[in-house]
Structures are given as C-alpha cells and as structure tokens.
Full PDB file with SEQRES, HELIX, SHEET, SSBOND, CRYST1, ORIGX, SCALE, CONECT and MASTER records, all heavy atoms in Angstrom:
SEQRES   1 A   36  SER THR TYR VAL MET GLY TRP PHE ARG GLN ALA PRO GLY          
SEQRES   2 A   36  LYS GLU ARG GLU PHE VAL ALA ALA ILE ALA TRP GLY GLY          
SEQRES   3 A   36  GLY SER THR TYR TYR ALA ASP SER VAL LYS                      
SHEET    1 AA1 3 VAL A   4  ARG A   9  0                                        
SHEET    2 AA1 3 GLU A  17  ALA A  23 -1                                        
SHEET    3 AA1 3 THR A  29  TYR A  31 -1                                        
CRYST1    1.000    1.000    1.000  90.00  90.00  90.00 P 1           1          
ORIGX1      1.000000  0.000000  0.000000        0.00000                         
ORIGX2      0.000000  1.000000  0.000000        0.00000                         
ORIGX3      0.000000  0.000000  1.000000        0.00000                         
SCALE1      1.000000  0.000000  0.000000        0.00000                         
SCALE2      0.000000  1.000000  0.000000        0.00000                         
SCALE3      0.000000  0.000000  1.000000        0.00000                         
ATOM      1  N   SER A   1      10.737  14.299  -4.739  1.00  0.00           N  
ATOM      2  CA  SER A   1       9.410  14.833  -4.973  1.00  0.00           C  
ATOM      3  C   SER A   1       8.350  13.742  -4.971  1.00  0.00           C  
ATOM      4  O   SER A   1       8.644  12.558  -5.170  1.00  0.00           O  
ATOM      5  CB  SER A   1       9.368  15.592  -6.299  1.00  0.00           C  
ATOM      6  OG  SER A   1       9.634  14.725  -7.386  1.00  0.00           O  
ATOM      7  N   THR A   2       7.113  14.149  -4.738  1.00  0.00           N  
ATOM      8  CA  THR A   2       5.970  13.246  -4.789  1.00  0.00           C  
ATOM      9  C   THR A   2       4.706  14.062  -5.006  1.00  0.00           C  
ATOM     10  O   THR A   2       4.639  15.233  -4.626  1.00  0.00           O  
ATOM     11  CB  THR A   2       5.848  12.408  -3.509  1.00  0.00           C  
ATOM     12  OG1 THR A   2       4.769  11.480  -3.648  1.00  0.00           O  
ATOM     13  CG2 THR A   2       5.587  13.309  -2.308  1.00  0.00           C  
ATOM     14  N   TYR A   3       3.710  13.430  -5.612  1.00  0.00           N  
ATOM     15  CA  TYR A   3       2.393  14.028  -5.714  1.00  0.00           C  
ATOM     16  C   TYR A   3       1.374  13.210  -4.935  1.00  0.00           C  
ATOM     17  O   TYR A   3       0.547  13.769  -4.212  1.00  0.00           O  
ATOM     18  CB  TYR A   3       1.947  14.172  -7.169  1.00  0.00           C  
ATOM     19  CG  TYR A   3       0.846  15.183  -7.332  1.00  0.00           C  
ATOM     20  CD1 TYR A   3       1.131  16.496  -7.679  1.00  0.00           C  
ATOM     21  CD2 TYR A   3      -0.478  14.824  -7.111  1.00  0.00           C  
ATOM     22  CE1 TYR A   3       0.121  17.429  -7.804  1.00  0.00           C  
ATOM     23  CE2 TYR A   3      -1.496  15.758  -7.233  1.00  0.00           C  
ATOM     24  CZ  TYR A   3      -1.188  17.062  -7.584  1.00  0.00           C  
ATOM     25  OH  TYR A   3      -2.190  17.989  -7.700  1.00  0.00           O  
ATOM     26  N   VAL A   4       1.437  11.883  -5.099  1.00  0.00           N  
ATOM     27  CA  VAL A   4       0.573  10.967  -4.370  1.00  0.00           C  
ATOM     28  C   VAL A   4       1.417   9.838  -3.802  1.00  0.00           C  
ATOM     29  O   VAL A   4       2.255   9.273  -4.506  1.00  0.00           O  
ATOM     30  CB  VAL A   4      -0.533  10.379  -5.266  1.00  0.00           C  
ATOM     31  CG1 VAL A   4      -1.362   9.360  -4.496  1.00  0.00           C  
ATOM     32  CG2 VAL A   4      -1.423  11.483  -5.813  1.00  0.00           C  
ATOM     33  N   MET A   5       1.188   9.509  -2.545  1.00  0.00           N  
ATOM     34  CA  MET A   5       1.800   8.345  -1.938  1.00  0.00           C  
ATOM     35  C   MET A   5       0.717   7.303  -1.699  1.00  0.00           C  
ATOM     36  O   MET A   5      -0.360   7.625  -1.193  1.00  0.00           O  
ATOM     37  CB  MET A   5       2.486   8.700  -0.626  1.00  0.00           C  
ATOM     38  CG  MET A   5       3.670   9.642  -0.774  1.00  0.00           C  
ATOM     39  SD  MET A   5       5.040   8.902  -1.727  1.00  0.00           S  
ATOM     40  CE  MET A   5       5.485   7.526  -0.663  1.00  0.00           C  
ATOM     41  N   GLY A   6       1.009   6.072  -2.068  1.00  0.00           N  
ATOM     42  CA  GLY A   6       0.037   5.006  -1.943  1.00  0.00           C  
ATOM     43  C   GLY A   6       0.582   3.804  -1.205  1.00  0.00           C  
ATOM     44  O   GLY A   6       1.795   3.590  -1.123  1.00  0.00           O  
ATOM     45  N   TRP A   7      -0.336   3.036  -0.651  1.00  0.00           N  
ATOM     46  CA  TRP A   7      -0.029   1.743  -0.055  1.00  0.00           C  
ATOM     47  C   TRP A   7      -0.733   0.654  -0.849  1.00  0.00           C  
ATOM     48  O   TRP A   7      -1.929   0.765  -1.143  1.00  0.00           O  
ATOM     49  CB  TRP A   7      -0.484   1.669   1.401  1.00  0.00           C  
ATOM     50  CG  TRP A   7       0.372   2.427   2.369  1.00  0.00           C  
ATOM     51  CD1 TRP A   7       0.154   3.668   2.868  1.00  0.00           C  
ATOM     52  CD2 TRP A   7       1.585   1.956   2.968  1.00  0.00           C  
ATOM     53  NE1 TRP A   7       1.146   4.022   3.740  1.00  0.00           N  
ATOM     54  CE2 TRP A   7       2.044   2.986   3.827  1.00  0.00           C  
ATOM     55  CE3 TRP A   7       2.324   0.774   2.875  1.00  0.00           C  
ATOM     56  CZ2 TRP A   7       3.219   2.856   4.576  1.00  0.00           C  
ATOM     57  CZ3 TRP A   7       3.488   0.657   3.608  1.00  0.00           C  
ATOM     58  CH2 TRP A   7       3.914   1.690   4.447  1.00  0.00           C  
ATOM     59  N   PHE A   8       0.016  -0.375  -1.182  1.00  0.00           N  
ATOM     60  CA  PHE A   8      -0.508  -1.571  -1.823  1.00  0.00           C  
ATOM     61  C   PHE A   8      -0.104  -2.777  -1.006  1.00  0.00           C  
ATOM     62  O   PHE A   8       0.809  -2.711  -0.187  1.00  0.00           O  
ATOM     63  CB  PHE A   8       0.025  -1.709  -3.253  1.00  0.00           C  
ATOM     64  CG  PHE A   8      -0.514  -0.687  -4.212  1.00  0.00           C  
ATOM     65  CD1 PHE A   8      -0.049   0.620  -4.195  1.00  0.00           C  
ATOM     66  CD2 PHE A   8      -1.479  -1.033  -5.143  1.00  0.00           C  
ATOM     67  CE1 PHE A   8      -0.538   1.562  -5.074  1.00  0.00           C  
ATOM     68  CE2 PHE A   8      -1.976  -0.094  -6.034  1.00  0.00           C  
ATOM     69  CZ  PHE A   8      -1.508   1.203  -5.999  1.00  0.00           C  
ATOM     70  N   ARG A   9      -0.772  -3.894  -1.232  1.00  0.00           N  
ATOM     71  CA  ARG A   9      -0.386  -5.123  -0.565  1.00  0.00           C  
ATOM     72  C   ARG A   9      -0.509  -6.289  -1.531  1.00  0.00           C  
ATOM     73  O   ARG A   9      -1.291  -6.261  -2.471  1.00  0.00           O  
ATOM     74  CB  ARG A   9      -1.228  -5.370   0.689  1.00  0.00           C  
ATOM     75  CG  ARG A   9      -2.703  -5.635   0.420  1.00  0.00           C  
ATOM     76  CD  ARG A   9      -3.471  -5.705   1.730  1.00  0.00           C  
ATOM     77  NE  ARG A   9      -4.876  -6.030   1.529  1.00  0.00           N  
ATOM     78  CZ  ARG A   9      -5.778  -6.049   2.496  1.00  0.00           C  
ATOM     79  NH1 ARG A   9      -5.420  -5.766   3.751  1.00  0.00           N  
ATOM     80  NH2 ARG A   9      -7.039  -6.359   2.224  1.00  0.00           N  
ATOM     81  N   GLN A  10       0.276  -7.315  -1.261  1.00  0.00           N  
ATOM     82  CA  GLN A  10       0.260  -8.496  -2.105  1.00  0.00           C  
ATOM     83  C   GLN A  10       0.434  -9.735  -1.240  1.00  0.00           C  
ATOM     84  O   GLN A  10       1.439  -9.885  -0.545  1.00  0.00           O  
ATOM     85  CB  GLN A  10       1.355  -8.433  -3.168  1.00  0.00           C  
ATOM     86  CG  GLN A  10       1.273  -9.550  -4.184  1.00  0.00           C  
ATOM     87  CD  GLN A  10       2.137  -9.289  -5.397  1.00  0.00           C  
ATOM     88  OE1 GLN A  10       3.097  -8.520  -5.338  1.00  0.00           O  
ATOM     89  NE2 GLN A  10       1.799  -9.921  -6.506  1.00  0.00           N  
ATOM     90  N   ALA A  11      -0.558 -10.604  -1.291  1.00  0.00           N  
ATOM     91  CA  ALA A  11      -0.517 -11.881  -0.604  1.00  0.00           C  
ATOM     92  C   ALA A  11      -0.049 -12.956  -1.573  1.00  0.00           C  
ATOM     93  O   ALA A  11      -0.177 -12.803  -2.791  1.00  0.00           O  
ATOM     94  CB  ALA A  11      -1.894 -12.236  -0.045  1.00  0.00           C  
ATOM     95  N   PRO A  12       0.498 -14.058  -1.069  1.00  0.00           N  
ATOM     96  CA  PRO A  12       0.949 -15.132  -1.957  1.00  0.00           C  
ATOM     97  C   PRO A  12      -0.160 -15.616  -2.875  1.00  0.00           C  
ATOM     98  O   PRO A  12      -1.277 -15.887  -2.430  1.00  0.00           O  
ATOM     99  CB  PRO A  12       1.382 -16.230  -0.991  1.00  0.00           C  
ATOM    100  CG  PRO A  12       1.757 -15.498   0.255  1.00  0.00           C  
ATOM    101  CD  PRO A  12       0.785 -14.343   0.336  1.00  0.00           C  
ATOM    102  N   GLY A  13       0.147 -15.708  -4.156  1.00  0.00           N  
ATOM    103  CA  GLY A  13      -0.812 -16.186  -5.125  1.00  0.00           C  
ATOM    104  C   GLY A  13      -1.853 -15.178  -5.552  1.00  0.00           C  
ATOM    105  O   GLY A  13      -2.751 -15.528  -6.323  1.00  0.00           O  
ATOM    106  N   LYS A  14      -1.773 -13.953  -5.077  1.00  0.00           N  
ATOM    107  CA  LYS A  14      -2.749 -12.933  -5.416  1.00  0.00           C  
ATOM    108  C   LYS A  14      -2.067 -11.746  -6.084  1.00  0.00           C  
ATOM    109  O   LYS A  14      -0.859 -11.548  -5.966  1.00  0.00           O  
ATOM    110  CB  LYS A  14      -3.503 -12.461  -4.171  1.00  0.00           C  
ATOM    111  CG  LYS A  14      -4.304 -13.542  -3.471  1.00  0.00           C  
ATOM    112  CD  LYS A  14      -5.078 -12.985  -2.295  1.00  0.00           C  
ATOM    113  CE  LYS A  14      -6.178 -12.040  -2.743  1.00  0.00           C  
ATOM    114  NZ  LYS A  14      -6.996 -11.549  -1.597  1.00  0.00           N  
ATOM    115  N   GLU A  15      -2.867 -10.966  -6.789  1.00  0.00           N  
ATOM    116  CA  GLU A  15      -2.354  -9.767  -7.422  1.00  0.00           C  
ATOM    117  C   GLU A  15      -2.105  -8.681  -6.385  1.00  0.00           C  
ATOM    118  O   GLU A  15      -2.717  -8.662  -5.318  1.00  0.00           O  
ATOM    119  CB  GLU A  15      -3.347  -9.248  -8.471  1.00  0.00           C  
ATOM    120  CG  GLU A  15      -3.560 -10.170  -9.656  1.00  0.00           C  
ATOM    121  CD  GLU A  15      -4.505  -9.579 -10.672  1.00  0.00           C  
ATOM    122  OE1 GLU A  15      -5.238  -8.621 -10.338  1.00  0.00           O  
ATOM    123  OE2 GLU A  15      -4.508 -10.058 -11.816  1.00  0.00           O  
ATOM    124  N   ARG A  16      -1.204  -7.785  -6.738  1.00  0.00           N  
ATOM    125  CA  ARG A  16      -0.985  -6.637  -5.882  1.00  0.00           C  
ATOM    126  C   ARG A  16      -2.227  -5.751  -5.906  1.00  0.00           C  
ATOM    127  O   ARG A  16      -2.717  -5.382  -6.973  1.00  0.00           O  
ATOM    128  CB  ARG A  16       0.245  -5.861  -6.355  1.00  0.00           C  
ATOM    129  CG  ARG A  16       0.679  -4.758  -5.417  1.00  0.00           C  
ATOM    130  CD  ARG A  16       2.055  -4.221  -5.787  1.00  0.00           C  
ATOM    131  NE  ARG A  16       3.071  -5.254  -5.677  1.00  0.00           N  
ATOM    132  CZ  ARG A  16       4.375  -5.040  -5.782  1.00  0.00           C  
ATOM    133  NH1 ARG A  16       4.826  -3.806  -5.986  1.00  0.00           N  
ATOM    134  NH2 ARG A  16       5.225  -6.048  -5.690  1.00  0.00           N  
ATOM    135  N   GLU A  17      -2.739  -5.405  -4.731  1.00  0.00           N  
ATOM    136  CA  GLU A  17      -3.984  -4.660  -4.658  1.00  0.00           C  
ATOM    137  C   GLU A  17      -3.817  -3.344  -3.914  1.00  0.00           C  
ATOM    138  O   GLU A  17      -3.013  -3.214  -2.991  1.00  0.00           O  
ATOM    139  CB  GLU A  17      -5.085  -5.498  -3.988  1.00  0.00           C  
ATOM    140  CG  GLU A  17      -4.843  -5.811  -2.524  1.00  0.00           C  
ATOM    141  CD  GLU A  17      -6.026  -6.499  -1.868  1.00  0.00           C  
ATOM    142  OE1 GLU A  17      -7.097  -6.575  -2.494  1.00  0.00           O  
ATOM    143  OE2 GLU A  17      -5.871  -6.958  -0.717  1.00  0.00           O  
ATOM    144  N   PHE A  18      -4.620  -2.399  -4.328  1.00  0.00           N  
ATOM    145  CA  PHE A  18      -4.619  -1.080  -3.726  1.00  0.00           C  
ATOM    146  C   PHE A  18      -5.179  -1.135  -2.316  1.00  0.00           C  
ATOM    147  O   PHE A  18      -6.162  -1.820  -2.052  1.00  0.00           O  
ATOM    148  CB  PHE A  18      -5.452  -0.130  -4.586  1.00  0.00           C  
ATOM    149  CG  PHE A  18      -5.701   1.201  -3.962  1.00  0.00           C  
ATOM    150  CD1 PHE A  18      -4.702   2.158  -3.911  1.00  0.00           C  
ATOM    151  CD2 PHE A  18      -6.941   1.512  -3.429  1.00  0.00           C  
ATOM    152  CE1 PHE A  18      -4.926   3.401  -3.338  1.00  0.00           C  
ATOM    153  CE2 PHE A  18      -7.184   2.747  -2.860  1.00  0.00           C  
ATOM    154  CZ  PHE A  18      -6.173   3.689  -2.816  1.00  0.00           C  
ATOM    155  N   VAL A  19      -4.558  -0.385  -1.413  1.00  0.00           N  
ATOM    156  CA  VAL A  19      -5.018  -0.296  -0.039  1.00  0.00           C  
ATOM    157  C   VAL A  19      -5.482   1.117   0.295  1.00  0.00           C  
ATOM    158  O   VAL A  19      -6.615   1.331   0.724  1.00  0.00           O  
ATOM    159  CB  VAL A  19      -3.924  -0.734   0.951  1.00  0.00           C  
ATOM    160  CG1 VAL A  19      -4.388  -0.540   2.392  1.00  0.00           C  
ATOM    161  CG2 VAL A  19      -3.529  -2.182   0.703  1.00  0.00           C  
ATOM    162  N   ALA A  20      -4.603   2.089   0.117  1.00  0.00           N  
ATOM    163  CA  ALA A  20      -4.912   3.471   0.459  1.00  0.00           C  
ATOM    164  C   ALA A  20      -3.941   4.396  -0.243  1.00  0.00           C  
ATOM    165  O   ALA A  20      -2.853   3.986  -0.646  1.00  0.00           O  
ATOM    166  CB  ALA A  20      -4.849   3.688   1.977  1.00  0.00           C  
ATOM    167  N   ALA A  21      -4.327   5.653  -0.376  1.00  0.00           N  
ATOM    168  CA  ALA A  21      -3.459   6.655  -0.971  1.00  0.00           C  
ATOM    169  C   ALA A  21      -3.766   8.010  -0.369  1.00  0.00           C  
ATOM    170  O   ALA A  21      -4.865   8.245   0.149  1.00  0.00           O  
ATOM    171  CB  ALA A  21      -3.624   6.694  -2.494  1.00  0.00           C  
ATOM    172  N   ILE A  22      -2.803   8.899  -0.461  1.00  0.00           N  
ATOM    173  CA  ILE A  22      -2.972  10.248   0.052  1.00  0.00           C  
ATOM    174  C   ILE A  22      -2.299  11.234  -0.881  1.00  0.00           C  
ATOM    175  O   ILE A  22      -1.178  11.009  -1.340  1.00  0.00           O  
ATOM    176  CB  ILE A  22      -2.431  10.370   1.496  1.00  0.00           C  
ATOM    177  CG1 ILE A  22      -2.754  11.740   2.084  1.00  0.00           C  
ATOM    178  CG2 ILE A  22      -0.929  10.086   1.554  1.00  0.00           C  
ATOM    179  CD1 ILE A  22      -2.559  11.805   3.593  1.00  0.00           C  
ATOM    180  N   ALA A  23      -2.993  12.312  -1.192  1.00  0.00           N  
ATOM    181  CA  ALA A  23      -2.406  13.404  -1.951  1.00  0.00           C  
ATOM    182  C   ALA A  23      -1.471  14.178  -1.043  1.00  0.00           C  
ATOM    183  O   ALA A  23      -1.872  14.611   0.042  1.00  0.00           O  
ATOM    184  CB  ALA A  23      -3.498  14.316  -2.508  1.00  0.00           C  
ATOM    185  N   TRP A  24      -0.242  14.356  -1.485  1.00  0.00           N  
ATOM    186  CA  TRP A  24       0.767  14.911  -0.603  1.00  0.00           C  
ATOM    187  C   TRP A  24       0.481  16.342  -0.204  1.00  0.00           C  
ATOM    188  O   TRP A  24       0.615  16.715   0.958  1.00  0.00           O  
ATOM    189  CB  TRP A  24       2.148  14.804  -1.250  1.00  0.00           C  
ATOM    190  CG  TRP A  24       3.243  14.955  -0.251  1.00  0.00           C  
ATOM    191  CD1 TRP A  24       4.079  16.014  -0.104  1.00  0.00           C  
ATOM    192  CD2 TRP A  24       3.608  14.007   0.749  1.00  0.00           C  
ATOM    193  NE1 TRP A  24       4.944  15.793   0.930  1.00  0.00           N  
ATOM    194  CE2 TRP A  24       4.687  14.555   1.476  1.00  0.00           C  
ATOM    195  CE3 TRP A  24       3.137  12.738   1.096  1.00  0.00           C  
ATOM    196  CZ2 TRP A  24       5.285  13.896   2.532  1.00  0.00           C  
ATOM    197  CZ3 TRP A  24       3.737  12.085   2.153  1.00  0.00           C  
ATOM    198  CH2 TRP A  24       4.797  12.657   2.855  1.00  0.00           C  
ATOM    199  N   GLY A  25       0.085  17.149  -1.167  1.00  0.00           N  
ATOM    200  CA  GLY A  25      -0.136  18.560  -0.885  1.00  0.00           C  
ATOM    201  C   GLY A  25      -1.408  18.829  -0.113  1.00  0.00           C  
ATOM    202  O   GLY A  25      -1.378  19.477   0.938  1.00  0.00           O  
ATOM    203  N   GLY A  26      -2.528  18.334  -0.623  1.00  0.00           N  
ATOM    204  CA  GLY A  26      -3.813  18.648  -0.027  1.00  0.00           C  
ATOM    205  C   GLY A  26      -4.265  17.700   1.062  1.00  0.00           C  
ATOM    206  O   GLY A  26      -5.130  18.051   1.872  1.00  0.00           O  
ATOM    207  N   GLY A  27      -3.726  16.478   1.080  1.00  0.00           N  
ATOM    208  CA  GLY A  27      -4.070  15.524   2.111  1.00  0.00           C  
ATOM    209  C   GLY A  27      -5.316  14.697   1.852  1.00  0.00           C  
ATOM    210  O   GLY A  27      -5.759  13.974   2.755  1.00  0.00           O  
ATOM    211  N   SER A  28      -5.899  14.774   0.663  1.00  0.00           N  
ATOM    212  CA  SER A  28      -7.059  13.946   0.348  1.00  0.00           C  
ATOM    213  C   SER A  28      -6.687  12.476   0.424  1.00  0.00           C  
ATOM    214  O   SER A  28      -5.607  12.076  -0.025  1.00  0.00           O  
ATOM    215  CB  SER A  28      -7.590  14.277  -1.042  1.00  0.00           C  
ATOM    216  OG  SER A  28      -8.003  15.630  -1.116  1.00  0.00           O  
ATOM    217  N   THR A  29      -7.573  11.671   0.973  1.00  0.00           N  
ATOM    218  CA  THR A  29      -7.300  10.252   1.177  1.00  0.00           C  
ATOM    219  C   THR A  29      -8.263   9.387   0.395  1.00  0.00           C  
ATOM    220  O   THR A  29      -9.393   9.779   0.114  1.00  0.00           O  
ATOM    221  CB  THR A  29      -7.371   9.886   2.664  1.00  0.00           C  
ATOM    222  OG1 THR A  29      -8.673  10.219   3.174  1.00  0.00           O  
ATOM    223  CG2 THR A  29      -6.310  10.639   3.456  1.00  0.00           C  
ATOM    224  N   TYR A  30      -7.810   8.184   0.088  1.00  0.00           N  
ATOM    225  CA  TYR A  30      -8.573   7.219  -0.691  1.00  0.00           C  
ATOM    226  C   TYR A  30      -8.312   5.839  -0.104  1.00  0.00           C  
ATOM    227  O   TYR A  30      -7.180   5.517   0.259  1.00  0.00           O  
ATOM    228  CB  TYR A  30      -8.156   7.256  -2.160  1.00  0.00           C  
ATOM    229  CG  TYR A  30      -8.124   8.656  -2.729  1.00  0.00           C  
ATOM    230  CD1 TYR A  30      -6.994   9.449  -2.603  1.00  0.00           C  
ATOM    231  CD2 TYR A  30      -9.233   9.193  -3.381  1.00  0.00           C  
ATOM    232  CE1 TYR A  30      -6.962  10.744  -3.098  1.00  0.00           C  
ATOM    233  CE2 TYR A  30      -9.206  10.483  -3.881  1.00  0.00           C  
ATOM    234  CZ  TYR A  30      -8.083  11.253  -3.741  1.00  0.00           C  
ATOM    235  OH  TYR A  30      -8.055  12.535  -4.234  1.00  0.00           O  
ATOM    236  N   TYR A  31      -9.376   5.016  -0.028  1.00  0.00           N  
ATOM    237  CA  TYR A  31      -9.264   3.712   0.593  1.00  0.00           C  
ATOM    238  C   TYR A  31      -9.946   2.644  -0.233  1.00  0.00           C  
ATOM    239  O   TYR A  31     -10.979   2.885  -0.865  1.00  0.00           O  
ATOM    240  CB  TYR A  31      -9.897   3.699   1.983  1.00  0.00           C  
ATOM    241  CG  TYR A  31      -9.205   4.581   2.988  1.00  0.00           C  
ATOM    242  CD1 TYR A  31      -9.645   5.876   3.218  1.00  0.00           C  
ATOM    243  CD2 TYR A  31      -8.117   4.107   3.711  1.00  0.00           C  
ATOM    244  CE1 TYR A  31      -9.012   6.686   4.145  1.00  0.00           C  
ATOM    245  CE2 TYR A  31      -7.482   4.908   4.638  1.00  0.00           C  
ATOM    246  CZ  TYR A  31      -7.931   6.196   4.852  1.00  0.00           C  
ATOM    247  OH  TYR A  31      -7.303   6.997   5.779  1.00  0.00           O  
ATOM    248  N   ALA A  32      -9.379   1.458  -0.200  1.00  0.00           N  
ATOM    249  CA  ALA A  32     -10.067   0.294  -0.731  1.00  0.00           C  
ATOM    250  C   ALA A  32     -11.237  -0.058   0.180  1.00  0.00           C  
ATOM    251  O   ALA A  32     -11.182   0.145   1.397  1.00  0.00           O  
ATOM    252  CB  ALA A  32      -9.115  -0.890  -0.840  1.00  0.00           C  
ATOM    253  N   ASP A  33     -12.304  -0.591  -0.405  1.00  0.00           N  
ATOM    254  CA  ASP A  33     -13.481  -0.938   0.387  1.00  0.00           C  
ATOM    255  C   ASP A  33     -13.154  -1.930   1.500  1.00  0.00           C  
ATOM    256  O   ASP A  33     -13.752  -1.880   2.581  1.00  0.00           O  
ATOM    257  CB  ASP A  33     -14.570  -1.528  -0.514  1.00  0.00           C  
ATOM    258  CG  ASP A  33     -15.206  -0.497  -1.419  1.00  0.00           C  
ATOM    259  OD1 ASP A  33     -15.096   0.713  -1.132  1.00  0.00           O  
ATOM    260  OD2 ASP A  33     -15.829  -0.898  -2.419  1.00  0.00           O  
ATOM    261  N   SER A  34     -12.208  -2.808   1.262  1.00  0.00           N  
ATOM    262  CA  SER A  34     -11.888  -3.848   2.219  1.00  0.00           C  
ATOM    263  C   SER A  34     -11.245  -3.330   3.501  1.00  0.00           C  
ATOM    264  O   SER A  34     -11.214  -4.045   4.505  1.00  0.00           O  
ATOM    265  CB  SER A  34     -10.973  -4.892   1.577  1.00  0.00           C  
ATOM    266  OG  SER A  34      -9.762  -4.299   1.133  1.00  0.00           O  
ATOM    267  N   VAL A  35     -10.736  -2.101   3.475  1.00  0.00           N  
ATOM    268  CA  VAL A  35     -10.046  -1.568   4.648  1.00  0.00           C  
ATOM    269  C   VAL A  35     -10.704  -0.326   5.219  1.00  0.00           C  
ATOM    270  O   VAL A  35     -10.250   0.178   6.260  1.00  0.00           O  
ATOM    271  CB  VAL A  35      -8.566  -1.272   4.345  1.00  0.00           C  
ATOM    272  CG1 VAL A  35      -7.877  -2.508   3.784  1.00  0.00           C  
ATOM    273  CG2 VAL A  35      -8.434  -0.094   3.386  1.00  0.00           C  
ATOM    274  N   LYS A  36     -11.745   0.170   4.592  1.00  0.00           N  
ATOM    275  CA  LYS A  36     -12.424   1.360   5.090  1.00  0.00           C  
ATOM    276  C   LYS A  36     -12.932   1.140   6.512  1.00  0.00           C  
ATOM    277  O   LYS A  36     -13.527   0.117   6.820  1.00  0.00           O  
ATOM    278  CB  LYS A  36     -13.590   1.736   4.179  1.00  0.00           C  
ATOM    279  CG  LYS A  36     -13.181   2.386   2.877  1.00  0.00           C  
ATOM    280  CD  LYS A  36     -14.399   2.747   2.035  1.00  0.00           C  
ATOM    281  CE  LYS A  36     -14.001   3.394   0.734  1.00  0.00           C  
ATOM    282  NZ  LYS A  36     -15.176   3.698  -0.113  1.00  0.00           N  
TER     283      LYS A  36                                                      
MASTER        0    0    0    0    3    0    0    6  282    1    0    3          
END                                                                             
C-alpha cells in the first residue's frame, strides 16, 4: 500500500532534500523550487 510516493536526493556532505511527490490516488504533484 501507499498514499504518497516521494523522491528525495542527497549529495555528499548535504542533507537529504525533497525533490518531488505525488499523491497515489488523486495524482496531485508537488515539487521543490529547485526542480520546478
């Protein structure tokens, strides 16, 4: 099961940061400003 699937990324020496996410049922999407 899932409700939201997300993508994160982590570069060496940096914190893990949010990239994008999608609501599984409805398909609503969310993006970090850096990748929009």
